[in-house]
N, C-alpha and C. Protein backbone atom coordinates (compact mmCIF):
# COMPACT_ATOMS: atom_id res chain seq x y z
N MET A 1 159.85 92.38 131.56
CA MET A 1 159.79 93.54 132.42
C MET A 1 158.76 93.29 133.53
N GLY A 2 159.10 93.62 134.74
CA GLY A 2 158.22 93.38 135.87
C GLY A 2 157.24 94.51 136.09
N ARG A 3 156.49 94.38 137.19
CA ARG A 3 155.48 95.39 137.55
C ARG A 3 155.89 96.03 138.87
N HIS A 4 155.49 97.29 139.05
CA HIS A 4 155.84 98.03 140.26
C HIS A 4 154.59 98.76 140.74
N PHE A 5 154.25 98.57 142.00
CA PHE A 5 153.08 99.22 142.61
C PHE A 5 153.54 99.95 143.86
N ARG A 6 153.03 101.15 144.09
CA ARG A 6 153.40 101.92 145.26
C ARG A 6 152.16 102.64 145.80
N ALA A 7 151.95 102.55 147.10
CA ALA A 7 150.84 103.24 147.76
C ALA A 7 151.40 104.03 148.93
N GLN A 8 151.10 105.31 148.95
CA GLN A 8 151.58 106.16 150.04
C GLN A 8 150.48 107.16 150.37
N PRO A 9 149.93 107.09 151.59
CA PRO A 9 148.89 108.03 151.97
C PRO A 9 149.44 109.45 152.08
N GLY A 10 148.58 110.43 151.87
CA GLY A 10 149.01 111.82 151.92
C GLY A 10 149.30 112.34 153.32
N ASN A 11 148.87 111.63 154.36
CA ASN A 11 149.04 112.13 155.73
C ASN A 11 150.26 111.54 156.44
N GLY A 12 151.20 110.97 155.70
CA GLY A 12 152.43 110.49 156.31
C GLY A 12 152.38 109.09 156.89
N GLY A 13 151.41 108.27 156.48
CA GLY A 13 151.32 106.90 157.00
C GLY A 13 152.35 105.99 156.35
N ALA A 14 152.13 104.70 156.46
CA ALA A 14 153.06 103.70 155.93
C ALA A 14 153.09 103.72 154.41
N VAL A 15 154.24 103.43 153.86
CA VAL A 15 154.42 103.31 152.42
C VAL A 15 154.46 101.83 152.08
N ILE A 16 153.66 101.42 151.12
CA ILE A 16 153.64 100.03 150.69
C ILE A 16 154.12 99.99 149.25
N GLU A 17 155.14 99.19 149.01
CA GLU A 17 155.71 99.09 147.68
C GLU A 17 155.88 97.62 147.32
N VAL A 18 155.41 97.26 146.14
CA VAL A 18 155.50 95.88 145.67
C VAL A 18 156.19 95.89 144.31
N ARG A 19 157.23 95.11 144.17
CA ARG A 19 157.94 94.95 142.89
C ARG A 19 157.87 93.49 142.50
N LEU A 20 157.30 93.25 141.34
CA LEU A 20 157.16 91.88 140.86
C LEU A 20 158.09 91.69 139.67
N PRO A 21 158.89 90.63 139.70
CA PRO A 21 159.80 90.40 138.57
C PRO A 21 159.02 89.98 137.33
N GLY A 22 159.57 90.28 136.18
CA GLY A 22 158.97 89.85 134.93
C GLY A 22 159.15 88.35 134.74
N SER A 23 158.20 87.71 134.10
CA SER A 23 158.27 86.26 133.90
C SER A 23 158.96 85.90 132.60
N GLY A 24 159.15 86.88 131.72
CA GLY A 24 159.74 86.56 130.43
C GLY A 24 158.74 85.98 129.46
N ARG A 25 157.49 85.79 129.89
CA ARG A 25 156.44 85.26 129.03
C ARG A 25 155.37 86.32 128.85
N ALA A 26 155.49 87.11 127.82
CA ALA A 26 154.54 88.19 127.59
C ALA A 26 153.16 87.62 127.29
N GLY A 27 152.18 88.09 128.01
CA GLY A 27 150.80 87.71 127.76
C GLY A 27 150.42 86.31 128.22
N ALA A 28 151.29 85.61 128.92
CA ALA A 28 150.97 84.26 129.39
C ALA A 28 149.91 84.34 130.47
N VAL A 29 148.95 83.46 130.42
CA VAL A 29 147.87 83.43 131.41
C VAL A 29 148.03 82.16 132.24
N GLU A 30 148.10 82.34 133.53
CA GLU A 30 148.20 81.20 134.44
C GLU A 30 146.82 80.57 134.61
N PRO A 31 146.76 79.25 134.69
CA PRO A 31 145.47 78.60 134.89
C PRO A 31 144.91 78.93 136.28
N VAL A 32 143.60 79.05 136.35
CA VAL A 32 142.94 79.33 137.63
C VAL A 32 142.69 78.00 138.33
N VAL A 33 143.18 77.89 139.54
CA VAL A 33 143.00 76.68 140.33
C VAL A 33 141.90 76.94 141.35
N PRO A 34 140.81 76.18 141.33
CA PRO A 34 139.74 76.42 142.29
C PRO A 34 140.22 76.13 143.72
N VAL A 35 139.77 76.96 144.63
CA VAL A 35 140.12 76.80 146.04
C VAL A 35 139.00 76.02 146.72
N PRO A 36 139.34 74.92 147.40
CA PRO A 36 138.29 74.16 148.07
C PRO A 36 137.69 74.97 149.21
N PRO A 37 136.40 74.79 149.49
CA PRO A 37 135.78 75.52 150.59
C PRO A 37 136.45 75.19 151.93
N ARG A 38 136.53 76.22 152.79
CA ARG A 38 137.14 76.00 154.10
C ARG A 38 136.15 75.33 155.04
N LYS A 39 136.68 74.50 155.89
CA LYS A 39 135.85 73.86 156.91
C LYS A 39 135.64 74.87 158.05
N LEU A 40 134.40 75.05 158.45
CA LEU A 40 134.10 75.96 159.55
C LEU A 40 134.43 75.25 160.86
N VAL A 41 135.23 75.90 161.70
CA VAL A 41 135.70 75.25 162.92
C VAL A 41 135.13 75.87 164.18
N ILE A 42 134.41 76.97 164.05
CA ILE A 42 133.81 77.61 165.22
C ILE A 42 132.30 77.63 165.04
N GLU A 43 131.61 77.15 166.03
CA GLU A 43 130.15 77.21 166.04
C GLU A 43 129.74 78.07 167.22
N GLY A 44 128.82 78.97 167.01
CA GLY A 44 128.33 79.80 168.10
C GLY A 44 128.66 81.26 167.89
N SER A 45 128.41 82.05 168.93
CA SER A 45 128.58 83.50 168.83
C SER A 45 129.73 83.98 169.70
N VAL A 46 130.40 85.03 169.21
CA VAL A 46 131.53 85.62 169.92
C VAL A 46 131.29 87.12 170.05
N LEU A 47 131.47 87.63 171.25
CA LEU A 47 131.40 89.06 171.51
C LEU A 47 132.83 89.58 171.50
N LEU A 48 133.15 90.45 170.57
CA LEU A 48 134.50 90.93 170.35
C LEU A 48 134.57 92.41 170.70
N VAL A 49 135.45 92.76 171.67
CA VAL A 49 135.60 94.15 172.11
C VAL A 49 137.02 94.60 171.80
N GLU A 50 137.14 95.64 171.00
CA GLU A 50 138.45 96.17 170.59
C GLU A 50 138.28 97.64 170.24
N ASP A 51 139.17 98.50 170.76
CA ASP A 51 139.02 99.93 170.50
C ASP A 51 139.76 100.42 169.27
N GLU A 52 140.55 99.58 168.63
CA GLU A 52 141.23 99.97 167.40
C GLU A 52 140.50 99.31 166.23
N GLU A 53 139.96 100.14 165.34
CA GLU A 53 139.09 99.66 164.28
C GLU A 53 139.76 98.64 163.36
N ALA A 54 141.01 98.87 162.98
CA ALA A 54 141.69 97.95 162.07
C ALA A 54 141.86 96.57 162.71
N VAL A 55 142.20 96.55 164.00
CA VAL A 55 142.36 95.28 164.72
C VAL A 55 141.01 94.60 164.85
N LEU A 56 139.98 95.38 165.18
CA LEU A 56 138.63 94.85 165.31
C LEU A 56 138.17 94.19 164.01
N GLU A 57 138.39 94.87 162.88
CA GLU A 57 137.97 94.32 161.60
C GLU A 57 138.73 93.03 161.26
N PHE A 58 140.03 93.02 161.53
CA PHE A 58 140.83 91.82 161.27
C PHE A 58 140.34 90.65 162.11
N GLU A 59 140.18 90.87 163.42
CA GLU A 59 139.74 89.79 164.31
C GLU A 59 138.34 89.31 163.91
N ARG A 60 137.46 90.25 163.58
CA ARG A 60 136.10 89.89 163.16
C ARG A 60 136.15 89.02 161.91
N ASP A 61 136.96 89.41 160.92
CA ASP A 61 137.04 88.66 159.68
C ASP A 61 137.59 87.25 159.90
N VAL A 62 138.59 87.13 160.77
CA VAL A 62 139.17 85.81 161.06
C VAL A 62 138.14 84.92 161.75
N LEU A 63 137.47 85.45 162.76
CA LEU A 63 136.48 84.66 163.49
C LEU A 63 135.29 84.29 162.60
N ALA A 64 134.79 85.26 161.84
CA ALA A 64 133.66 84.98 160.95
C ALA A 64 134.07 83.98 159.86
N GLY A 65 135.30 84.09 159.37
CA GLY A 65 135.78 83.15 158.37
C GLY A 65 135.88 81.73 158.89
N ALA A 66 136.02 81.61 160.20
CA ALA A 66 136.09 80.28 160.82
C ALA A 66 134.71 79.77 161.21
N GLY A 67 133.66 80.58 160.97
CA GLY A 67 132.30 80.13 161.22
C GLY A 67 131.57 80.79 162.36
N ALA A 68 132.21 81.66 163.12
CA ALA A 68 131.57 82.28 164.28
C ALA A 68 130.60 83.37 163.85
N GLN A 69 129.58 83.56 164.65
CA GLN A 69 128.70 84.72 164.53
C GLN A 69 129.31 85.77 165.45
N VAL A 70 129.77 86.89 164.89
CA VAL A 70 130.56 87.85 165.65
C VAL A 70 129.80 89.16 165.86
N ALA A 71 129.71 89.59 167.12
CA ALA A 71 129.19 90.91 167.46
C ALA A 71 130.39 91.75 167.88
N THR A 72 130.54 92.94 167.30
CA THR A 72 131.71 93.77 167.58
C THR A 72 131.31 95.02 168.35
N LEU A 73 132.16 95.38 169.29
CA LEU A 73 131.97 96.58 170.11
C LEU A 73 133.30 97.30 170.22
N MET A 74 133.24 98.65 170.34
CA MET A 74 134.49 99.41 170.38
C MET A 74 134.66 100.22 171.67
N SER A 75 133.69 100.19 172.57
CA SER A 75 133.84 100.99 173.79
C SER A 75 133.19 100.29 174.97
N PHE A 76 133.59 100.72 176.17
CA PHE A 76 133.02 100.15 177.39
C PHE A 76 131.52 100.46 177.49
N GLU A 77 131.12 101.64 177.00
CA GLU A 77 129.69 102.00 177.03
C GLU A 77 128.88 101.03 176.16
N GLU A 78 129.43 100.66 174.99
CA GLU A 78 128.75 99.69 174.13
C GLU A 78 128.66 98.33 174.81
N VAL A 79 129.69 97.97 175.56
CA VAL A 79 129.69 96.69 176.28
C VAL A 79 128.57 96.68 177.32
N LYS A 80 128.45 97.77 178.08
CA LYS A 80 127.40 97.83 179.11
C LYS A 80 126.01 97.68 178.48
N ALA A 81 125.78 98.34 177.35
CA ALA A 81 124.49 98.23 176.68
C ALA A 81 124.28 96.82 176.13
N ARG A 82 125.33 96.19 175.62
CA ARG A 82 125.24 94.86 175.02
C ARG A 82 124.95 93.79 176.08
N LEU A 83 125.38 94.04 177.30
CA LEU A 83 125.16 93.06 178.37
C LEU A 83 123.68 92.88 178.69
N LEU A 84 122.84 93.79 178.25
CA LEU A 84 121.40 93.67 178.46
C LEU A 84 120.76 92.73 177.45
N GLN A 85 121.50 92.35 176.42
CA GLN A 85 121.01 91.46 175.37
C GLN A 85 121.41 90.02 175.70
N PRO A 86 120.89 89.05 174.94
CA PRO A 86 121.27 87.65 175.19
C PRO A 86 122.79 87.47 175.14
N ALA A 87 123.27 86.56 175.95
CA ALA A 87 124.71 86.33 176.09
C ALA A 87 125.30 85.67 174.86
N ALA A 88 126.58 85.94 174.61
CA ALA A 88 127.33 85.27 173.56
C ALA A 88 127.93 84.00 174.15
N ASP A 89 128.34 83.08 173.28
CA ASP A 89 128.98 81.85 173.73
C ASP A 89 130.39 82.09 174.24
N ALA A 90 131.05 83.13 173.69
CA ALA A 90 132.42 83.47 174.10
C ALA A 90 132.61 84.96 173.93
N ALA A 91 133.62 85.51 174.62
CA ALA A 91 133.93 86.93 174.50
C ALA A 91 135.44 87.11 174.46
N SER A 92 135.87 88.13 173.72
CA SER A 92 137.28 88.50 173.66
C SER A 92 137.36 90.00 173.80
N SER A 93 138.24 90.48 174.69
CA SER A 93 138.35 91.91 174.94
C SER A 93 139.80 92.30 175.14
N ASP A 94 140.16 93.48 174.65
CA ASP A 94 141.49 94.02 174.91
C ASP A 94 141.45 95.01 176.06
N ALA A 95 140.32 95.08 176.77
CA ALA A 95 140.16 96.04 177.85
C ALA A 95 141.27 95.90 178.88
N GLY A 96 141.81 97.00 179.28
CA GLY A 96 142.86 97.00 180.29
C GLY A 96 142.58 98.09 181.31
N GLY A 97 143.31 98.08 182.37
CA GLY A 97 143.21 99.14 183.37
C GLY A 97 141.82 99.30 183.94
N ASN A 98 141.33 100.54 183.99
CA ASN A 98 140.04 100.85 184.59
C ASN A 98 138.88 100.18 183.86
N ASP A 99 138.96 100.07 182.50
CA ASP A 99 137.89 99.42 181.77
C ASP A 99 137.76 97.95 182.17
N ARG A 100 138.88 97.27 182.41
CA ARG A 100 138.82 95.86 182.79
C ARG A 100 138.20 95.72 184.17
N VAL A 101 138.56 96.60 185.10
CA VAL A 101 137.98 96.54 186.44
C VAL A 101 136.49 96.79 186.38
N ALA A 102 136.07 97.80 185.60
CA ALA A 102 134.66 98.12 185.48
C ALA A 102 133.90 96.99 184.79
N LEU A 103 134.51 96.36 183.81
CA LEU A 103 133.87 95.26 183.09
C LEU A 103 133.63 94.07 184.01
N THR A 104 134.58 93.77 184.89
CA THR A 104 134.41 92.62 185.78
C THR A 104 133.46 92.91 186.92
N ARG A 105 133.36 94.16 187.33
CA ARG A 105 132.45 94.50 188.42
C ARG A 105 131.02 94.71 187.94
N GLY A 106 130.85 95.03 186.63
CA GLY A 106 129.50 95.26 186.08
C GLY A 106 129.09 96.61 186.47
């Protein structure tokens, strides 16, 4: 017999459902295989600007997992304040429209 998991938020968001088939081996334990450490491929700091929190967290986790030191910002006002601090080695922003014009003009 397999397993069934279902998650549904009360406010009408996405429904996540996972159905796992049964293996036919009751109580069987799979051996744990150690995962080798990942090689860090990014050195330095990244300034990450994103106004959607879920996207910001995902991008931050990916960059940090690759070795970057990540500073995260969610608004143009935070960017202006951050520009007074030491510079990052790289920056990534989803700013568009008026925010992008204001960001480039300072």
